Structures are given as structure tokens and as C-alpha cells.
Amino acid sequence: MLEAESPAAAAARIRDVLGSGPVAVLTGAGLSTDSGIPDYRGPGSPPRTPMTYQQFVGDPAFRRHYWARNHVGWGHVHRTRPNGGHLALARLEAAGVVGGVITQNVDTLHGEAGSRRVIDLHGRYDRVVCLSCGRAVTRQRLAERLTELNPHFADSVADVEVAPDADAVLASTEGFRVADCESCGGMLKPDIVYFGENVPKERVLRAYALVEESSALLVAGSSLTVLSGRRFVKQAAGAGRPVVILNRGETRGAPLADLNVDGGCTPVLTALAEAYGA
């Protein structure tokens, strides 16, 4: 039986491919699993059916079910903290090795870890927008309103399974009251890009620019199943820039990468920061 590669050995191989930087980093749900947020497609993850934009806006019952689950899930994700992988990327940015991070996650943990240049490709779970008037409010403000409307709901739920988008798996949400926009009474939606919804063009262009100005691309914790992230791997590979993918399990970007490393983000990225002296 072959011995598993050590984080230090993996980090050494990654550094050899990435060079001195500046490196663009693309992160996915696998980076946040060590913070207690499960991923969608990693090894051992249960089957999930993410909500679509069409379901959210088209079905009041579905929307009620979503907000009930989100109200409970928010309480968990709101308490999560950056892990060693987030902190290592922030250290690498401070050292000038990483030029910026494009994240497919909505958990805001990169910013909390100290990363300064972060492109939240799929939005942020801590903001809510009105689909009618466009007003944005904090998720904390909505949590207060939902608690007022449903004072005992969250307390009655036990053994909650939380999903990557701050959702939670609940058996019944009957009777849950949904809050509308305080300004116009319109429909509120988390500031998150759902399946079936396009990533805002401005964010995509900023991400393309980051990859263009970088000497290499590091992917951490993403299966690259969806095109919204995989396109940046295609961009870097097409421009002849080295691509390294660090992920547990298979990825759809593997054929485009100069190096594929099957490993955990926290130990390998921590070792990588140490290898760069960050």
C-alpha cells in the first residue's frame, strides 16, 4: 500500500508549479468543511438538490419552506469561524504570493480571515435584497424580523443538518411566517446566486481580470462541476498559465491542470504558507 503524501510534500510540489506569484486563487465548498459547513459534492456528502431561482420566485409554499430552513441554518453559519485554510490564504496574500481570491462560497469566511481582495462570485449569505425595489438589508436584520414573526420556531428544531448556503434540512415548516420588504412589501431574496440564475456580469469581469493579471491559478476545495468556476480554469489554461487543483476527490478541471493534488485544504494550504515563509 502506498503511503499518503504529507502536506509538506504536497505543498512543495504545488509551490514548484505556482512559482513566486502573484497567484489567483479559486475556492469552493471544500475549503470551508473544516469550519463546519458541509459541501455539496465532496466524498461522503449526502445527495442534495439545491434550490433553483425559478422555484424561489414562483412558489410561495416553496419560498416559505426555504426561509424557514434558512432561518435555522443562519444561526449555525453565523457562528462559524475561518479555518486554517482561510488563514493560510490570507497570510499568502499579505506576503504578496496571492493576488486575490475568487470564491464560490457565500460564507464570508475569507474576509473574516483577513483576505483583502475577495470576489464573492455567488454572493454573500449575510445580505438580503428586495426583488422589487432593490433595497439591500443585512441578514441579521431579517433574522430579527423572522424571530419576531416566528418567536419559538428555531427553538423547537433539534439535530439540524446545515447545507453550504446556510440552508437547513427540516421535515416541516408549516405555519412559518415569511417577512416581506419593509420599504415596498416586495419579495426578499438572499443575495446569493441560485441555480438557474446568472452570476452578475460585473463580478465575472473582475474575476477574469484577476486571473489575467496573475501568473498562475490555484483551485482549492472545488469539484469545478459548475461552469461559473470552471471557466476561470479554462481561461488560465488557455493563456498558458500554470493551474494547480487541490481537492478531495475528482474534479472536472483535472485535464486542464498542470498538477492535481488529492488532499485536504487546511493542512496543505497551511504547509504551503509555511513553504513560502508567509
C-alpha atoms as a PDB file:
ATOM      1  CA  MET A   1       0.000   0.000   0.000  1.00  0.00           C
ATOM      2  CA  LEU A   2       1.317   3.433  -0.931  1.00  0.00           C
ATOM      3  CA  GLU A   3       1.791   5.928   1.904  1.00  0.00           C
ATOM      4  CA  ALA A   4      -0.319   9.055   1.761  1.00  0.00           C
ATOM      5  CA  GLU A   5       1.581  12.159   0.713  1.00  0.00           C
ATOM      6  CA  SER A   6       2.373  14.520   3.574  1.00  0.00           C
ATOM      7  CA  PRO A   7       1.002  18.078   3.490  1.00  0.00           C
ATOM      8  CA  ALA A   8       4.583  19.392   3.331  1.00  0.00           C
ATOM      9  CA  ALA A   9       5.391  17.242   0.323  1.00  0.00           C
ATOM     10  CA  ALA A  10       2.197  18.272  -1.437  1.00  0.00           C
ATOM     11  CA  ALA A  11       2.916  21.927  -0.660  1.00  0.00           C
ATOM     12  CA  ALA A  12       6.420  21.628  -2.106  1.00  0.00           C
ATOM     13  CA  ARG A  13       5.059  20.242  -5.364  1.00  0.00           C
ATOM     14  CA  ILE A  14       2.417  22.979  -5.524  1.00  0.00           C
ATOM     15  CA  ARG A  15       4.977  25.718  -4.949  1.00  0.00           C
ATOM     16  CA  ASP A  16       7.190  24.339  -7.706  1.00  0.00           C
ATOM     17  CA  VAL A  17       4.310  24.727 -10.183  1.00  0.00           C
ATOM     18  CA  LEU A  18       2.908  28.040  -8.951  1.00  0.00           C
ATOM     19  CA  GLY A  19       6.206  29.888  -8.755  1.00  0.00           C
ATOM     20  CA  SER A  20       6.603  33.202  -6.983  1.00  0.00           C
ATOM     21  CA  GLY A  21       3.214  34.689  -7.899  1.00  0.00           C
ATOM     22  CA  PRO A  22       1.092  36.649  -7.837  1.00  0.00           C
ATOM     23  CA  VAL A  23      -1.307  33.718  -7.818  1.00  0.00           C
ATOM     24  CA  ALA A  24      -5.071  33.925  -8.333  1.00  0.00           C
ATOM     25  CA  VAL A  25      -6.993  31.540  -6.064  1.00  0.00           C
ATOM     26  CA  LEU A  26     -10.397  29.989  -6.802  1.00  0.00           C
ATOM     27  CA  THR A  27     -12.070  28.407  -3.770  1.00  0.00           C
ATOM     28  CA  GLY A  28     -15.081  26.159  -3.313  1.00  0.00           C
ATOM     29  CA  ALA A  29     -17.089  24.493  -0.576  1.00  0.00           C
ATOM     30  CA  GLY A  30     -14.298  22.047   0.241  1.00  0.00           C
ATOM     31  CA  LEU A  31     -12.316  24.888   1.789  1.00  0.00           C
ATOM     32  CA  SER A  32     -14.999  25.547   4.419  1.00  0.00           C
ATOM     33  CA  THR A  33     -15.752  21.994   5.541  1.00  0.00           C
ATOM     34  CA  ASP A  34     -13.243  22.313   8.397  1.00  0.00           C
ATOM     35  CA  SER A  35     -15.279  25.290   9.622  1.00  0.00           C
ATOM     36  CA  GLY A  36     -18.289  23.007   9.995  1.00  0.00           C
ATOM     37  CA  ILE A  37     -20.019  23.898   6.725  1.00  0.00           C
ATOM     38  CA  PRO A  38     -20.653  20.775   4.608  1.00  0.00           C
ATOM     39  CA  ASP A  39     -20.004  20.760   0.887  1.00  0.00           C
ATOM     40  CA  TYR A  40     -22.297  19.673  -1.920  1.00  0.00           C
ATOM     41  CA  ARG A  41     -20.206  17.162  -3.825  1.00  0.00           C
ATOM     42  CA  GLY A  42     -17.248  16.084  -1.710  1.00  0.00           C
ATOM     43  CA  PRO A  43     -16.585  12.442  -0.835  1.00  0.00           C
ATOM     44  CA  GLY A  44     -19.228  11.233   1.610  1.00  0.00           C
ATOM     45  CA  SER A  45     -21.555  14.208   1.110  1.00  0.00           C
ATOM     46  CA  PRO A  46     -25.243  13.258   1.124  1.00  0.00           C
ATOM     47  CA  PRO A  47     -27.262  13.795  -2.062  1.00  0.00           C
ATOM     48  CA  ARG A  48     -28.586  17.357  -2.246  1.00  0.00           C
ATOM     49  CA  THR A  49     -30.969  19.120  -4.580  1.00  0.00           C
ATOM     50  CA  PRO A  50     -30.099  22.844  -4.460  1.00  0.00           C
ATOM     51  CA  MET A  51     -32.930  25.304  -4.805  1.00  0.00           C
ATOM     52  CA  THR A  52     -33.412  26.992  -8.169  1.00  0.00           C
ATOM     53  CA  TYR A  53     -34.239  30.628  -8.767  1.00  0.00           C
ATOM     54  CA  GLN A  54     -37.429  29.618 -10.555  1.00  0.00           C
ATOM     55  CA  GLN A  55     -38.624  27.630  -7.540  1.00  0.00           C
ATOM     56  CA  PHE A  56     -37.917  30.502  -5.171  1.00  0.00           C
ATOM     57  CA  VAL A  57     -39.761  33.219  -7.084  1.00  0.00           C
ATOM     58  CA  GLY A  58     -42.552  31.037  -8.478  1.00  0.00           C
ATOM     59  CA  ASP A  59     -43.876  29.095  -5.494  1.00  0.00           C
ATOM     60  CA  PRO A  60     -44.974  30.811  -2.232  1.00  0.00           C
ATOM     61  CA  ALA A  61     -45.051  27.477  -0.395  1.00  0.00           C
ATOM     62  CA  PHE A  62     -41.532  26.660  -1.528  1.00  0.00           C
ATOM     63  CA  ARG A  63     -40.379  30.149  -0.553  1.00  0.00           C
ATOM     64  CA  ARG A  64     -41.901  29.727   2.934  1.00  0.00           C
ATOM     65  CA  HIS A  65     -40.172  26.363   3.280  1.00  0.00           C
ATOM     66  CA  TYR A  66     -36.874  27.909   2.187  1.00  0.00           C
ATOM     67  CA  TRP A  67     -36.992  30.848   4.609  1.00  0.00           C
ATOM     68  CA  ALA A  68     -37.936  28.565   7.499  1.00  0.00           C
ATOM     69  CA  ARG A  69     -34.937  26.349   6.836  1.00  0.00           C
ATOM     70  CA  ASN A  70     -32.675  29.341   6.221  1.00  0.00           C
ATOM     71  CA  HIS A  71     -33.784  30.935   9.488  1.00  0.00           C
ATOM     72  CA  VAL A  72     -32.499  27.907  11.366  1.00  0.00           C
ATOM     73  CA  GLY A  73     -29.405  27.398   9.195  1.00  0.00           C
ATOM     74  CA  TRP A  74     -28.414  31.053   9.537  1.00  0.00           C
ATOM     75  CA  GLY A  75     -27.954  30.585  13.267  1.00  0.00           C
ATOM     76  CA  HIS A  76     -25.348  27.900  12.623  1.00  0.00           C
ATOM     77  CA  VAL A  77     -23.408  29.517   9.776  1.00  0.00           C
ATOM     78  CA  HIS A  78     -23.409  32.886  11.580  1.00  0.00           C
ATOM     79  CA  ARG A  79     -21.337  31.258  14.335  1.00  0.00           C
ATOM     80  CA  THR A  80     -18.759  29.596  12.063  1.00  0.00           C
ATOM     81  CA  ARG A  81     -15.181  30.836  12.009  1.00  0.00           C
ATOM     82  CA  PRO A  82     -12.362  30.729   9.439  1.00  0.00           C
ATOM     83  CA  ASN A  83     -10.244  27.603   9.493  1.00  0.00           C
ATOM     84  CA  GLY A  84      -6.540  27.122   8.836  1.00  0.00           C
ATOM     85  CA  GLY A  85      -7.051  27.080   5.077  1.00  0.00           C
ATOM     86  CA  HIS A  86      -8.684  30.520   5.066  1.00  0.00           C
ATOM     87  CA  LEU A  87      -5.985  31.887   7.363  1.00  0.00           C
ATOM     88  CA  ALA A  88      -3.202  30.441   5.203  1.00  0.00           C
ATOM     89  CA  LEU A  89      -4.555  32.154   2.069  1.00  0.00           C
ATOM     90  CA  ALA A  90      -4.758  35.456   3.959  1.00  0.00           C
ATOM     91  CA  ARG A  91      -1.129  35.025   5.032  1.00  0.00           C
ATOM     92  CA  LEU A  92      -0.091  34.281   1.452  1.00  0.00           C
ATOM     93  CA  GLU A  93      -1.873  37.413   0.251  1.00  0.00           C
ATOM     94  CA  ALA A  94      -0.171  39.524   2.911  1.00  0.00           C
ATOM     95  CA  ALA A  95       3.162  38.103   1.733  1.00  0.00           C
ATOM     96  CA  GLY A  96       2.432  39.041  -1.886  1.00  0.00           C
ATOM     97  CA  VAL A  97       2.196  35.460  -3.143  1.00  0.00           C
ATOM     98  CA  VAL A  98      -1.588  35.540  -3.626  1.00  0.00           C
ATOM     99  CA  GLY A  99      -3.013  38.430  -5.614  1.00  0.00           C
ATOM    100  CA  GLY A 100      -6.650  37.786  -4.769  1.00  0.00           C
ATOM    101  CA  VAL A 101      -9.342  35.190  -4.161  1.00  0.00           C
ATOM    102  CA  ILE A 102     -12.357  34.287  -6.271  1.00  0.00           C
ATOM    103  CA  THR A 103     -14.699  32.301  -4.054  1.00  0.00           C
ATOM    104  CA  GLN A 104     -17.740  30.251  -4.983  1.00  0.00           C
ATOM    105  CA  ASN A 105     -18.659  30.192  -1.281  1.00  0.00           C
ATOM    106  CA  VAL A 106     -21.146  32.580   0.287  1.00  0.00           C
ATOM    107  CA  ASP A 107     -19.964  32.177   3.898  1.00  0.00           C
ATOM    108  CA  THR A 108     -17.779  35.373   4.042  1.00  0.00           C
ATOM    109  CA  LEU A 109     -15.005  33.451   5.842  1.00  0.00           C
ATOM    110  CA  HIS A 110     -12.225  34.731   3.555  1.00  0.00           C
ATOM    111  CA  GLY A 111     -12.866  38.290   4.662  1.00  0.00           C
ATOM    112  CA  GLU A 112     -13.075  37.272   8.301  1.00  0.00           C
ATOM    113  CA  ALA A 113      -9.723  35.504   7.938  1.00  0.00           C
ATOM    114  CA  GLY A 114      -8.084  38.712   6.701  1.00  0.00           C
ATOM    115  CA  SER A 115      -8.082  38.329   2.917  1.00  0.00           C
ATOM    116  CA  ARG A 116      -8.397  41.796   1.414  1.00  0.00           C
ATOM    117  CA  ARG A 117      -9.148  41.172  -2.265  1.00  0.00           C
ATOM    118  CA  VAL A 118     -12.089  38.790  -2.405  1.00  0.00           C
ATOM    119  CA  ILE A 119     -14.571  38.385  -5.246  1.00  0.00           C
ATOM    120  CA  ASP A 120     -17.755  36.783  -3.900  1.00  0.00           C
ATOM    121  CA  LEU A 121     -18.733  35.120  -7.159  1.00  0.00           C
ATOM    122  CA  HIS A 122     -22.017  33.667  -5.901  1.00  0.00           C
ATOM    123  CA  GLY A 123     -22.886  36.442  -3.471  1.00  0.00           C
ATOM    124  CA  ARG A 124     -22.924  36.597   0.335  1.00  0.00           C
ATOM    125  CA  TYR A 125     -25.231  34.903   2.790  1.00  0.00           C
ATOM    126  CA  ASP A 126     -25.153  37.905   5.154  1.00  0.00           C
ATOM    127  CA  ARG A 127     -27.165  40.191   2.825  1.00  0.00           C
ATOM    128  CA  VAL A 128     -30.765  40.131   1.596  1.00  0.00           C
ATOM    129  CA  VAL A 129     -32.174  42.056  -1.379  1.00  0.00           C
ATOM    130  CA  CYS A 130     -35.690  43.041  -2.425  1.00  0.00           C
ATOM    131  CA  LEU A 131     -36.526  41.800  -5.909  1.00  0.00           C
ATOM    132  CA  SER A 132     -38.942  44.725  -6.416  1.00  0.00           C
ATOM    133  CA  CYS A 133     -37.167  47.871  -5.204  1.00  0.00           C
ATOM    134  CA  GLY A 134     -33.602  46.578  -4.953  1.00  0.00           C
ATOM    135  CA  ARG A 135     -33.111  47.605  -1.334  1.00  0.00           C
ATOM    136  CA  ALA A 136     -30.458  45.576   0.473  1.00  0.00           C
ATOM    137  CA  VAL A 137     -30.504  44.803   4.192  1.00  0.00           C
ATOM    138  CA  THR A 138     -28.334  42.681   6.444  1.00  0.00           C
ATOM    139  CA  ARG A 139     -29.297  39.083   7.106  1.00  0.00           C
ATOM    140  CA  GLN A 140     -29.041  39.935  10.805  1.00  0.00           C
ATOM    141  CA  ARG A 141     -31.867  42.466  10.424  1.00  0.00           C
ATOM    142  CA  LEU A 142     -34.019  39.876   8.676  1.00  0.00           C
ATOM    143  CA  ALA A 143     -33.206  37.337  11.391  1.00  0.00           C
ATOM    144  CA  GLU A 144     -34.579  39.752  13.970  1.00  0.00           C
ATOM    145  CA  ARG A 145     -37.795  40.221  11.979  1.00  0.00           C
ATOM    146  CA  LEU A 146     -38.251  36.486  11.358  1.00  0.00           C
ATOM    147  CA  THR A 147     -37.754  35.810  15.066  1.00  0.00           C
ATOM    148  CA  GLU A 148     -40.442  38.374  15.873  1.00  0.00           C
ATOM    149  CA  LEU A 149     -42.821  36.715  13.399  1.00  0.00           C
ATOM    150  CA  ASN A 150     -41.911  33.174  14.492  1.00  0.00           C
ATOM    151  CA  PRO A 151     -40.766  33.516  18.126  1.00  0.00           C
ATOM    152  CA  HIS A 152     -40.461  29.830  19.014  1.00  0.00           C
ATOM    153  CA  PHE A 153     -39.730  28.217  15.665  1.00  0.00           C
ATOM    154  CA  ALA A 154     -35.936  27.896  15.841  1.00  0.00           C
ATOM    155  CA  ASP A 155     -36.043  26.704  19.460  1.00  0.00           C
ATOM    156  CA  SER A 156     -38.321  23.837  18.506  1.00  0.00           C
ATOM    157  CA  VAL A 157     -35.862  22.381  15.991  1.00  0.00           C
ATOM    158  CA  ALA A 158     -33.192  19.885  17.011  1.00  0.00           C
ATOM    159  CA  ASP A 159     -30.471  17.906  15.223  1.00  0.00           C
ATOM    160  CA  VAL A 160     -30.319  20.292  12.285  1.00  0.00           C
ATOM    161  CA  GLU A 161     -28.327  19.357   9.185  1.00  0.00           C
ATOM    162  CA  VAL A 162     -26.960  22.517   7.598  1.00  0.00           C
ATOM    163  CA  ALA A 163     -26.214  22.971   3.888  1.00  0.00           C
ATOM    164  CA  PRO A 164     -23.468  25.134   2.296  1.00  0.00           C
ATOM    165  CA  ASP A 165     -25.801  28.058   1.531  1.00  0.00           C
ATOM    166  CA  ALA A 166     -26.921  28.481   5.174  1.00  0.00           C
ATOM    167  CA  ASP A 167     -29.996  26.368   4.485  1.00  0.00           C
ATOM    168  CA  ALA A 168     -31.072  23.625   6.879  1.00  0.00           C
ATOM    169  CA  VAL A 169     -32.885  20.354   6.368  1.00  0.00           C
ATOM    170  CA  LEU A 170     -36.210  20.411   8.215  1.00  0.00           C
ATOM    171  CA  ALA A 171     -39.112  17.994   8.000  1.00  0.00           C
ATOM    172  CA  SER A 172     -41.925  20.508   8.422  1.00  0.00           C
ATOM    173  CA  THR A 173     -42.195  24.267   8.001  1.00  0.00           C
ATOM    174  CA  GLU A 174     -45.964  24.655   8.123  1.00  0.00           C
ATOM    175  CA  GLY A 175     -47.103  27.840   9.800  1.00  0.00           C
ATOM    176  CA  PHE A 176     -43.826  29.681   9.309  1.00  0.00           C
ATOM    177  CA  ARG A 177     -44.409  33.370   8.511  1.00  0.00           C
ATOM    178  CA  VAL A 178     -42.250  34.994   5.805  1.00  0.00           C
ATOM    179  CA  ALA A 179     -41.117  38.632   6.005  1.00  0.00           C
ATOM    180  CA  ASP A 180     -41.505  40.970   3.034  1.00  0.00           C
ATOM    181  CA  CYS A 181     -39.538  44.134   2.206  1.00  0.00           C
ATOM    182  CA  GLU A 182     -40.009  46.835   4.838  1.00  0.00           C
ATOM    183  CA  SER A 183     -39.867  49.531   2.161  1.00  0.00           C
ATOM    184  CA  CYS A 184     -42.211  48.297  -0.560  1.00  0.00           C
ATOM    185  CA  GLY A 185     -43.622  44.954   0.563  1.00  0.00           C
ATOM    186  CA  GLY A 186     -41.760  43.156  -2.220  1.00  0.00           C
ATOM    187  CA  MET A 187     -40.220  39.700  -2.216  1.00  0.00           C
ATOM    188  CA  LEU A 188     -36.977  39.297  -0.278  1.00  0.00           C
ATOM    189  CA  LYS A 189     -34.237  37.011  -1.516  1.00  0.00           C
ATOM    190  CA  PRO A 190     -30.774  36.201  -0.091  1.00  0.00           C
ATOM    191  CA  ASP A 191     -28.018  37.960  -2.022  1.00  0.00           C
ATOM    192  CA  ILE A 192     -26.928  34.589  -3.381  1.00  0.00           C
ATOM    193  CA  VAL A 193     -26.794  33.359  -6.984  1.00  0.00           C
ATOM    194  CA  TYR A 194     -29.081  30.353  -7.222  1.00  0.00           C
ATOM    195  CA  PHE A 195     -29.067  27.552  -9.758  1.00  0.00           C
ATOM    196  CA  GLY A 196     -30.766  28.856 -12.880  1.00  0.00           C
ATOM    197  CA  GLU A 197     -29.612  32.418 -12.152  1.00  0.00           C
ATOM    198  CA  ASN A 198     -26.665  34.156 -13.825  1.00  0.00           C
ATOM    199  CA  VAL A 199     -23.661  35.490 -11.943  1.00  0.00           C
ATOM    200  CA  PRO A 200     -23.690  39.306 -12.309  1.00  0.00           C
ATOM    201  CA  LYS A 201     -21.501  40.300 -15.264  1.00  0.00           C
ATOM    202  CA  GLU A 202     -19.503  42.809 -13.230  1.00  0.00           C
ATOM    203  CA  ARG A 203     -18.319  40.067 -10.854  1.00  0.00           C
ATOM    204  CA  VAL A 204     -17.360  37.785 -13.721  1.00  0.00           C
ATOM    205  CA  LEU A 205     -15.336  40.544 -15.381  1.00  0.00           C
ATOM    206  CA  ARG A 206     -13.489  41.314 -12.139  1.00  0.00           C
ATOM    207  CA  ALA A 207     -12.662  37.638 -11.730  1.00  0.00           C
ATOM    208  CA  TYR A 208     -11.427  37.371 -15.314  1.00  0.00           C
ATOM    209  CA  ALA A 209      -9.229  40.431 -14.704  1.00  0.00           C
ATOM    210  CA  LEU A 210      -7.720  38.875 -11.576  1.00  0.00           C
ATOM    211  CA  VAL A 211      -6.809  35.694 -13.450  1.00  0.00           C
ATOM    212  CA  GLU A 212      -5.439  37.723 -16.361  1.00  0.00           C
ATOM    213  CA  GLU A 213      -3.066  39.707 -14.158  1.00  0.00           C
ATOM    214  CA  SER A 214      -1.883  36.630 -12.242  1.00  0.00           C
ATOM    215  CA  SER A 215       0.992  34.329 -13.116  1.00  0.00           C
ATOM    216  CA  ALA A 216      -0.815  31.131 -12.057  1.00  0.00           C
ATOM    217  CA  LEU A 217      -4.133  29.815 -10.736  1.00  0.00           C
ATOM    218  CA  LEU A 218      -4.651  27.715  -7.613  1.00  0.00           C
ATOM    219  CA  VAL A 219      -8.020  25.977  -7.146  1.00  0.00           C
ATOM    220  CA  ALA A 220      -8.769  24.914  -3.568  1.00  0.00           C
ATOM    221  CA  GLY A 221     -11.728  22.824  -2.488  1.00  0.00           C
ATOM    222  CA  SER A 222     -13.827  22.831  -5.653  1.00  0.00           C
ATOM    223  CA  SER A 223     -15.044  19.953  -7.803  1.00  0.00           C
ATOM    224  CA  LEU A 224     -15.448  22.502 -10.636  1.00  0.00           C
ATOM    225  CA  THR A 225     -18.755  20.880 -11.548  1.00  0.00           C
ATOM    226  CA  VAL A 226     -20.438  24.165 -12.442  1.00  0.00           C
ATOM    227  CA  LEU A 227     -19.225  26.404 -15.248  1.00  0.00           C
ATOM    228  CA  SER A 228     -19.273  29.543 -13.086  1.00  0.00           C
ATOM    229  CA  GLY A 229     -15.972  28.427 -11.542  1.00  0.00           C
ATOM    230  CA  ARG A 230     -14.584  26.128 -14.221  1.00  0.00           C
ATOM    231  CA  ARG A 231     -14.426  28.952 -16.773  1.00  0.00           C
ATOM    232  CA  PHE A 232     -11.540  30.545 -14.884  1.00  0.00           C
ATOM    233  CA  VAL A 233      -9.573  27.306 -15.087  1.00  0.00           C
ATOM    234  CA  LYS A 234     -10.217  27.285 -18.827  1.00  0.00           C
ATOM    235  CA  GLN A 235      -9.099  30.913 -19.039  1.00  0.00           C
ATOM    236  CA  ALA A 236      -5.835  30.313 -17.186  1.00  0.00           C
ATOM    237  CA  ALA A 237      -5.020  27.109 -19.061  1.00  0.00           C
ATOM    238  CA  GLY A 238      -5.847  28.733 -22.394  1.00  0.00           C
ATOM    239  CA  ALA A 239      -3.446  31.574 -21.632  1.00  0.00           C
ATOM    240  CA  GLY A 240      -0.664  29.157 -20.747  1.00  0.00           C
ATOM    241  CA  ARG A 241      -0.703  29.928 -17.028  1.00  0.00           C
ATOM    242  CA  PRO A 242       0.064  27.074 -14.621  1.00  0.00           C
ATOM    243  CA  VAL A 243      -3.031  25.607 -12.934  1.00  0.00           C
ATOM    244  CA  VAL A 244      -2.949  23.627  -9.686  1.00  0.00           C
ATOM    245  CA  ILE A 245      -6.068  21.940  -8.284  1.00  0.00           C
ATOM    246  CA  LEU A 246      -6.171  20.935  -4.604  1.00  0.00           C
ATOM    247  CA  ASN A 247      -9.301  18.988  -3.744  1.00  0.00           C
ATOM    248  CA  ARG A 248     -10.512  15.804  -2.120  1.00  0.00           C
ATOM    249  CA  GLY A 249     -11.908  13.618  -4.860  1.00  0.00           C
ATOM    250  CA  GLU A 250     -12.251  14.106  -8.595  1.00  0.00           C
ATOM    251  CA  THR A 251     -12.709  17.447 -10.342  1.00  0.00           C
ATOM    252  CA  ARG A 252     -13.945  18.329 -13.806  1.00  0.00           C
ATOM    253  CA  GLY A 253     -10.952  20.588 -14.301  1.00  0.00           C
ATOM    254  CA  ALA A 254      -8.363  17.838 -13.840  1.00  0.00           C
ATOM    255  CA  PRO A 255      -7.470  17.522 -17.555  1.00  0.00           C
ATOM    256  CA  LEU A 256      -6.639  21.240 -17.696  1.00  0.00           C
ATOM    257  CA  ALA A 257      -4.409  21.288 -14.623  1.00  0.00           C
ATOM    258  CA  ASP A 258      -0.629  21.096 -14.544  1.00  0.00           C
ATOM    259  CA  LEU A 259      -0.907  19.485 -11.115  1.00  0.00           C
ATOM    260  CA  ASN A 260      -3.785  17.742  -9.322  1.00  0.00           C
ATOM    261  CA  VAL A 261      -3.419  17.144  -5.587  1.00  0.00           C
ATOM    262  CA  ASP A 262      -5.914  14.964  -3.714  1.00  0.00           C
ATOM    263  CA  GLY A 263      -5.740  16.350  -0.208  1.00  0.00           C
ATOM    264  CA  GLY A 264      -7.329  18.453   2.489  1.00  0.00           C
ATOM    265  CA  CYS A 265      -7.258  22.213   2.097  1.00  0.00           C
ATOM    266  CA  THR A 266      -6.432  23.077   5.705  1.00  0.00           C
ATOM    267  CA  PRO A 267      -3.236  21.004   6.127  1.00  0.00           C
ATOM    268  CA  VAL A 268      -1.913  21.522   2.606  1.00  0.00           C
ATOM    269  CA  LEU A 269      -2.565  25.273   2.441  1.00  0.00           C
ATOM    270  CA  THR A 270      -1.073  25.732   5.915  1.00  0.00           C
ATOM    271  CA  ALA A 271       2.036  23.875   4.728  1.00  0.00           C
ATOM    272  CA  LEU A 272       2.050  25.968   1.550  1.00  0.00           C
ATOM    273  CA  ALA A 273       2.067  29.212   3.535  1.00  0.00           C
ATOM    274  CA  GLU A 274       4.970  27.877   5.557  1.00  0.00           C
ATOM    275  CA  ALA A 275       6.800  26.832   2.373  1.00  0.00           C
ATOM    276  CA  TYR A 276       6.563  30.424   1.118  1.00  0.00           C
ATOM    277  CA  GLY A 277       7.630  31.785   4.506  1.00  0.00           C
ATOM    278  CA  ALA A 278       4.278  33.537   4.901  1.00  0.00           C
END
